[in-house]
Amino acid sequence: MTSLILRQHAQNFALPLVIIALAIITGVSITHQLLSPKEEPQPVVPKVVIHSDIAKIYKANFRRTTIKTGRIDYSFVTSLINAGLSQKEIKSLLKLIENEFDIIGSVRKGDKFSIKTKTNRHNEKYISSFYYSGSQKDFFVINDGNNNAYDEYGNKLIRKPYYSFPLDKQFKVSSGFNLTRRHPVTNLVAPHLGTDYAVPIGTPIHSIADGVVIKSRYNRFAGNYINIRHSNGAVSRYLHLSHRSVHVGEPVSKGQLIGRTGNSGRTTGPHLHLELIIDGTPVNYERYIRTTPTPPANTRLLLAAKKERAELIRKLQKYSS
């Protein structure tokens, strides 16, 4: 009987004892973790960047100027591509040197060149200067940042002539620019503000410079006529046409066909009447393009040209050695 009572009491105490034992084990474990020394974390060692690395990173990503060199192999444009110039840079260079440097006649295999590019405040690259060392000629040009070309002496390179001839060949001047001319129809003294070229009806007429068509219409005196405003603000006028090929607002390029000569309006025979108006004043076209003086040297561009030309020559000497 006594043993039965003891077994019942043992069963009653077993569960609490198990719970107490688990609590003790858990407490010991927690205490051990709290009291045990923690492992020190491995220190993070920052990567040491030396000055030369910074310079390389800067040059690779943030260079404001670069100089590229090359040698003529097959053609001028192909050689520019081989030198690493982009299509945009090539187009910019060709625009800068047009009519000043013959990319066919002046170029020989083995000639060398160097080109300096800059990045403007809008983060756009442009051709700053170009130096060509050739068997036929040496040539240098510098950009003022607004796509105006200057030579090594600071003289602005004017496209000579800036204005081209409007006809495919020279024709006789039947009536020149004359402020006191007597009109052949009215017999009255009236200024003749243009140059008349005696040409057959239907002769092609070309724009004398880049610009935008501002008038293309018929007038009983001027006949069919076209007015073009050019990029420098000047206006050219083409009168007495038989056909007009361009419309108002249309951009035209230098040498582009714009119409054909005729005998429309008040005339005594087929001819082209050409006017050039600069700063609001009509000028004698033929005399103007022959006698317009070169602008004075730009001192700032003279100093910049001297510096950049020397840079390009030094770079080319290293390239050749």
Protein backbone atom coordinates (compact mmCIF):
# COMPACT_ATOMS: atom_id res chain seq x y z
CA MET A 1 0.00 0.00 0.00
CA THR A 2 2.80 2.31 0.90
CA SER A 3 4.63 1.62 -2.40
CA LEU A 4 1.46 2.43 -4.33
CA ILE A 5 1.16 5.74 -2.56
CA LEU A 6 4.82 6.53 -3.33
CA ARG A 7 4.39 5.73 -7.03
CA GLN A 8 1.40 8.09 -7.23
CA HIS A 9 3.40 10.88 -5.56
CA ALA A 10 6.31 10.25 -7.91
CA GLN A 11 4.05 10.64 -10.89
CA ASN A 12 2.67 13.86 -9.44
CA PHE A 13 6.21 15.30 -8.99
CA ALA A 14 7.67 14.06 -12.33
CA LEU A 15 6.22 16.73 -14.62
CA PRO A 16 7.23 19.71 -12.46
CA LEU A 17 10.72 18.30 -12.12
CA VAL A 18 11.08 17.97 -15.88
CA ILE A 19 9.94 21.56 -16.32
CA ILE A 20 12.38 22.75 -13.65
CA ALA A 21 15.22 20.82 -15.28
CA LEU A 22 14.52 22.35 -18.68
CA ALA A 23 14.40 25.80 -17.13
CA ILE A 24 17.75 25.23 -15.44
CA ILE A 25 19.35 24.01 -18.69
CA THR A 26 17.99 26.97 -20.62
CA GLY A 27 19.16 29.41 -17.98
CA VAL A 28 22.63 27.93 -17.93
CA SER A 29 22.83 28.13 -21.69
CA ILE A 30 21.76 31.79 -21.75
CA THR A 31 24.15 32.62 -18.91
CA HIS A 32 26.97 30.93 -20.78
CA GLN A 33 26.26 32.95 -23.87
CA LEU A 34 26.06 36.18 -21.91
CA LEU A 35 29.21 35.55 -19.93
CA SER A 36 31.30 34.01 -22.71
CA PRO A 37 33.61 36.47 -24.48
CA LYS A 38 32.38 37.41 -27.94
CA GLU A 39 34.53 36.99 -31.01
CA GLU A 40 35.91 40.27 -32.25
CA PRO A 41 34.52 41.11 -35.77
CA GLN A 42 37.10 41.21 -38.50
CA PRO A 43 37.94 44.84 -39.23
CA VAL A 44 37.00 46.14 -42.71
CA VAL A 45 40.16 47.37 -44.34
CA PRO A 46 39.34 50.16 -46.81
CA LYS A 47 40.89 49.82 -50.25
CA VAL A 48 43.76 52.20 -50.59
CA VAL A 49 43.45 54.34 -53.73
CA ILE A 50 46.72 55.90 -54.67
CA HIS A 51 47.03 59.22 -56.46
CA SER A 52 48.01 57.66 -59.79
CA ASP A 53 44.80 55.60 -59.80
CA ILE A 54 42.73 58.73 -59.21
CA ALA A 55 44.50 60.43 -62.07
CA LYS A 56 43.78 57.49 -64.38
CA ILE A 57 40.11 57.41 -63.43
CA TYR A 58 39.81 61.15 -63.95
CA LYS A 59 41.53 61.07 -67.31
CA ALA A 60 39.38 58.17 -68.49
CA ASN A 61 36.05 59.72 -67.53
CA PHE A 62 36.38 63.46 -67.00
CA ARG A 63 38.91 64.73 -69.52
CA ARG A 64 37.94 68.11 -70.91
CA THR A 65 40.46 68.01 -73.73
CA THR A 66 41.99 65.25 -75.85
CA ILE A 67 44.49 65.16 -78.70
CA LYS A 68 44.28 62.48 -81.38
CA THR A 69 46.90 61.82 -84.02
CA GLY A 70 46.87 59.87 -87.25
CA ARG A 71 48.48 59.16 -90.58
CA ILE A 72 46.96 59.31 -94.04
CA ASP A 73 46.54 55.84 -95.47
CA TYR A 74 43.77 55.43 -98.03
CA SER A 75 41.69 58.62 -97.79
CA PHE A 76 41.39 61.61 -95.49
CA VAL A 77 38.03 60.62 -93.97
CA THR A 78 39.04 56.96 -93.55
CA SER A 79 42.21 58.08 -91.78
CA LEU A 80 40.15 60.25 -89.41
CA ILE A 81 38.00 57.21 -88.56
CA ASN A 82 41.13 55.12 -87.94
CA ALA A 83 42.40 57.85 -85.60
CA GLY A 84 39.30 57.39 -83.43
CA LEU A 85 37.15 60.35 -84.45
CA SER A 86 33.38 59.92 -84.30
CA GLN A 87 31.12 60.74 -87.24
CA LYS A 88 29.97 63.88 -85.46
CA GLU A 89 33.57 65.02 -84.88
CA ILE A 90 34.48 64.33 -88.52
CA LYS A 91 31.50 66.32 -89.75
CA SER A 92 32.45 69.18 -87.44
CA LEU A 93 36.05 69.16 -88.69
CA LEU A 94 35.06 69.12 -92.36
CA LYS A 95 32.74 72.06 -91.75
CA LEU A 96 35.55 73.95 -90.00
CA ILE A 97 38.10 73.49 -92.81
CA GLU A 98 35.78 73.61 -95.84
CA ASN A 99 37.09 75.69 -98.74
CA GLU A 100 40.34 76.23 -96.81
CA PHE A 101 41.83 72.74 -96.99
CA ASP A 102 41.51 70.46 -100.02
CA ILE A 103 40.91 66.99 -98.53
CA ILE A 104 41.68 65.42 -101.92
CA GLY A 105 44.24 67.56 -103.69
CA SER A 106 46.32 68.44 -100.61
CA VAL A 107 46.35 64.95 -99.08
CA ARG A 108 49.09 62.39 -99.70
CA LYS A 109 49.66 58.94 -98.25
CA GLY A 110 52.00 59.13 -95.26
CA ASP A 111 51.03 62.68 -94.28
CA LYS A 112 50.29 63.14 -90.58
CA PHE A 113 47.74 65.12 -88.61
CA SER A 114 46.75 65.88 -85.02
CA ILE A 115 43.40 67.08 -83.72
CA LYS A 116 42.47 68.62 -80.37
CA THR A 117 38.92 68.25 -79.05
CA LYS A 118 37.38 70.11 -76.12
CA THR A 119 34.22 69.74 -74.05
CA ASN A 120 32.08 72.84 -73.64
CA ARG A 121 29.93 73.82 -70.67
CA HIS A 122 27.05 71.78 -72.09
CA ASN A 123 29.29 68.66 -71.96
CA GLU A 124 29.42 68.57 -75.78
CA LYS A 125 32.64 67.74 -77.60
CA TYR A 126 33.83 69.93 -80.44
CA ILE A 127 36.94 70.29 -82.60
CA SER A 128 39.18 72.90 -81.01
CA SER A 129 42.10 72.83 -83.44
CA PHE A 130 43.55 70.86 -86.34
CA TYR A 131 47.13 70.59 -87.59
CA TYR A 132 48.13 68.85 -90.81
CA SER A 133 51.74 68.08 -91.68
CA GLY A 134 51.97 67.06 -95.31
CA SER A 135 54.32 66.74 -98.22
CA GLN A 136 52.29 69.33 -100.14
CA LYS A 137 51.52 71.80 -97.36
CA ASP A 138 51.22 72.35 -93.61
CA PHE A 139 47.88 73.63 -92.41
CA PHE A 140 46.51 74.81 -89.06
CA VAL A 141 43.08 76.01 -87.97
CA ILE A 142 41.59 76.83 -84.56
CA ASN A 143 37.93 77.05 -83.54
CA ASP A 144 36.76 79.99 -81.42
CA GLY A 145 34.07 77.78 -79.84
CA ASN A 146 31.35 79.08 -82.16
CA ASN A 147 32.53 77.19 -85.25
CA ASN A 148 34.42 80.21 -86.58
CA ALA A 149 37.78 79.24 -88.04
CA TYR A 150 40.99 81.23 -87.42
CA ASP A 151 44.52 80.68 -88.68
CA GLU A 152 47.71 80.55 -86.61
CA TYR A 153 47.97 84.36 -86.71
CA GLY A 154 44.50 84.98 -85.26
CA ASN A 155 43.00 85.91 -88.64
CA LYS A 156 39.47 84.76 -89.27
CA LEU A 157 39.31 82.42 -92.23
CA ILE A 158 36.68 83.79 -94.57
CA ARG A 159 35.35 81.28 -97.05
CA LYS A 160 36.71 82.82 -100.23
CA PRO A 161 34.48 83.63 -101.81
CA TYR A 162 31.86 83.44 -99.05
CA TYR A 163 29.33 83.99 -101.82
CA SER A 164 29.55 81.79 -104.90
CA PHE A 165 28.55 82.64 -108.46
CA PRO A 166 24.85 81.95 -109.14
CA LEU A 167 25.38 80.52 -112.63
CA ASP A 168 27.29 77.47 -113.88
CA LYS A 169 29.64 79.69 -115.90
CA GLN A 170 30.44 83.35 -116.40
CA PHE A 171 28.06 85.36 -118.58
CA LYS A 172 28.29 88.89 -119.93
CA VAL A 173 27.17 91.66 -117.58
CA SER A 174 24.52 93.53 -119.56
CA SER A 175 23.95 96.16 -116.86
CA GLY A 176 26.03 96.66 -113.73
CA PHE A 177 25.31 98.17 -110.31
CA ASN A 178 24.61 101.85 -110.92
CA LEU A 179 22.92 104.38 -108.64
CA THR A 180 22.30 106.85 -111.51
CA ARG A 181 21.32 104.54 -114.34
CA ARG A 182 18.68 105.61 -116.87
CA HIS A 183 16.05 102.87 -117.06
CA PRO A 184 15.87 101.37 -120.60
CA VAL A 185 12.05 101.09 -120.50
CA THR A 186 10.92 104.22 -118.64
CA ASN A 187 13.89 106.34 -119.70
CA LEU A 188 13.95 107.74 -116.16
CA VAL A 189 17.05 107.97 -113.98
CA ALA A 190 16.64 105.37 -111.26
CA PRO A 191 19.15 103.37 -109.19
CA HIS A 192 19.98 99.93 -110.55
CA LEU A 193 20.67 98.04 -107.32
CA GLY A 194 21.82 94.77 -108.85
CA THR A 195 23.88 93.14 -111.59
CA ASP A 196 22.25 91.92 -114.81
CA TYR A 197 23.70 88.85 -116.54
CA ALA A 198 22.60 88.24 -120.14
CA VAL A 199 21.65 84.55 -120.13
CA PRO A 200 19.32 82.37 -122.20
CA ILE A 201 15.89 81.50 -120.78
CA GLY A 202 15.99 78.33 -118.68
CA THR A 203 19.57 78.66 -117.43
CA PRO A 204 19.91 77.05 -113.94
CA ILE A 205 20.31 79.48 -110.99
CA HIS A 206 22.02 78.51 -107.73
CA SER A 207 21.90 80.09 -104.28
CA ILE A 208 25.07 82.09 -103.63
CA ALA A 209 25.22 80.97 -99.96
CA ASP A 210 23.43 78.96 -97.26
CA GLY A 211 20.16 80.49 -96.10
CA VAL A 212 16.38 80.38 -95.89
CA VAL A 213 13.89 81.41 -98.58
CA ILE A 214 11.92 84.45 -97.37
CA LYS A 215 10.11 85.28 -100.64
CA SER A 216 9.20 83.24 -103.71
CA ARG A 217 6.51 84.98 -105.75
CA TYR A 218 5.55 86.95 -108.87
CA ASN A 219 5.61 90.73 -109.26
CA ARG A 220 4.71 92.68 -112.39
CA PHE A 221 8.03 94.51 -112.28
CA ALA A 222 10.40 91.85 -110.89
CA GLY A 223 8.54 88.97 -112.54
CA ASN A 224 9.12 85.63 -110.83
CA TYR A 225 11.66 86.31 -108.10
CA ILE A 226 13.25 84.72 -105.02
CA ASN A 227 14.70 86.34 -101.89
CA ILE A 228 17.02 84.35 -99.60
CA ARG A 229 18.21 85.45 -96.15
CA HIS A 230 21.66 84.05 -95.43
CA SER A 231 23.20 82.90 -92.15
CA ASN A 232 25.10 86.19 -91.73
CA GLY A 233 21.89 88.24 -92.14
CA ALA A 234 22.52 89.32 -95.74
CA VAL A 235 19.77 88.94 -98.38
CA SER A 236 20.22 87.91 -102.01
CA ARG A 237 17.53 88.52 -104.67
CA TYR A 238 17.07 86.76 -108.02
CA LEU A 239 14.66 88.48 -110.47
CA HIS A 240 12.93 87.85 -113.83
CA LEU A 241 12.91 84.04 -113.55
CA SER A 242 11.01 81.60 -115.73
CA HIS A 243 10.71 79.04 -112.92
CA ARG A 244 11.01 79.02 -109.12
CA SER A 245 12.11 75.71 -107.51
CA VAL A 246 11.97 76.69 -103.82
CA HIS A 247 9.26 77.92 -101.45
CA VAL A 248 9.08 80.35 -98.51
CA GLY A 249 10.57 78.89 -95.32
CA GLU A 250 12.64 76.30 -97.17
CA PRO A 251 16.33 76.07 -96.15
CA VAL A 252 18.80 76.14 -99.02
CA SER A 253 22.50 75.44 -99.22
CA LYS A 254 25.24 77.18 -101.12
CA GLY A 255 25.16 76.11 -104.76
CA GLN A 256 21.67 74.58 -104.55
CA LEU A 257 19.43 74.90 -107.63
CA ILE A 258 16.67 77.40 -106.80
CA GLY A 259 15.19 78.25 -110.22
CA ARG A 260 15.79 79.08 -113.86
CA THR A 261 16.39 82.34 -115.67
CA GLY A 262 13.68 83.97 -117.75
CA ASN A 263 12.22 87.17 -119.14
CA SER A 264 9.32 87.74 -116.73
CA GLY A 265 8.33 91.16 -115.38
CA ARG A 266 9.44 94.47 -116.88
CA THR A 267 12.51 93.64 -118.96
CA THR A 268 13.97 94.30 -122.42
CA GLY A 269 15.29 90.76 -122.83
CA PRO A 270 16.20 87.49 -121.02
CA HIS A 271 18.59 88.03 -118.13
CA LEU A 272 19.22 87.37 -114.44
CA HIS A 273 19.08 90.36 -112.10
CA LEU A 274 21.06 89.57 -108.94
CA GLU A 275 21.09 91.77 -105.82
CA LEU A 276 23.02 91.45 -102.56
CA ILE A 277 21.80 93.44 -99.54
CA ILE A 278 24.09 93.63 -96.49
CA ASP A 279 22.96 95.29 -93.25
CA GLY A 280 19.96 96.67 -95.14
CA THR A 281 22.05 98.34 -97.84
CA PRO A 282 22.34 97.08 -101.46
CA VAL A 283 25.96 96.53 -102.52
CA ASN A 284 27.69 95.91 -105.82
CA TYR A 285 27.82 92.10 -105.70
CA GLU A 286 30.77 91.50 -108.00
CA ARG A 287 32.94 94.21 -106.49
CA TYR A 288 31.98 93.30 -102.93
CA ILE A 289 33.16 89.69 -103.08
CA ARG A 290 36.47 90.81 -104.62
CA THR A 291 37.29 93.73 -102.35
CA THR A 292 35.85 92.90 -98.90
CA PRO A 293 38.87 93.07 -96.55
CA THR A 294 39.78 90.38 -94.07
CA PRO A 295 38.73 91.27 -90.49
CA PRO A 296 41.53 92.37 -88.10
CA ALA A 297 43.40 89.72 -86.15
CA ASN A 298 41.83 88.47 -82.91
CA THR A 299 44.45 88.77 -80.14
CA ARG A 300 42.81 86.14 -77.93
CA LEU A 301 42.68 83.63 -80.78
CA LEU A 302 46.25 84.52 -81.77
CA LEU A 303 47.54 83.48 -78.33
CA ALA A 304 45.32 80.39 -78.21
CA ALA A 305 46.39 79.39 -81.72
CA LYS A 306 50.08 79.71 -80.85
CA LYS A 307 49.64 77.47 -77.80
CA GLU A 308 47.48 74.80 -79.39
CA ARG A 309 49.54 74.62 -82.58
CA ALA A 310 52.65 73.93 -80.47
CA GLU A 311 50.74 71.24 -78.53
CA LEU A 312 49.61 69.50 -81.70
CA ILE A 313 53.10 69.59 -83.22
CA ARG A 314 54.65 68.10 -80.05
CA LYS A 315 52.02 65.35 -79.99
CA LEU A 316 52.67 64.59 -83.64
CA GLN A 317 56.41 64.38 -83.05
CA LYS A 318 55.85 61.80 -80.29
CA TYR A 319 53.48 59.91 -82.58
CA SER A 320 56.09 59.80 -85.34
CA SER A 321 58.97 58.66 -83.12
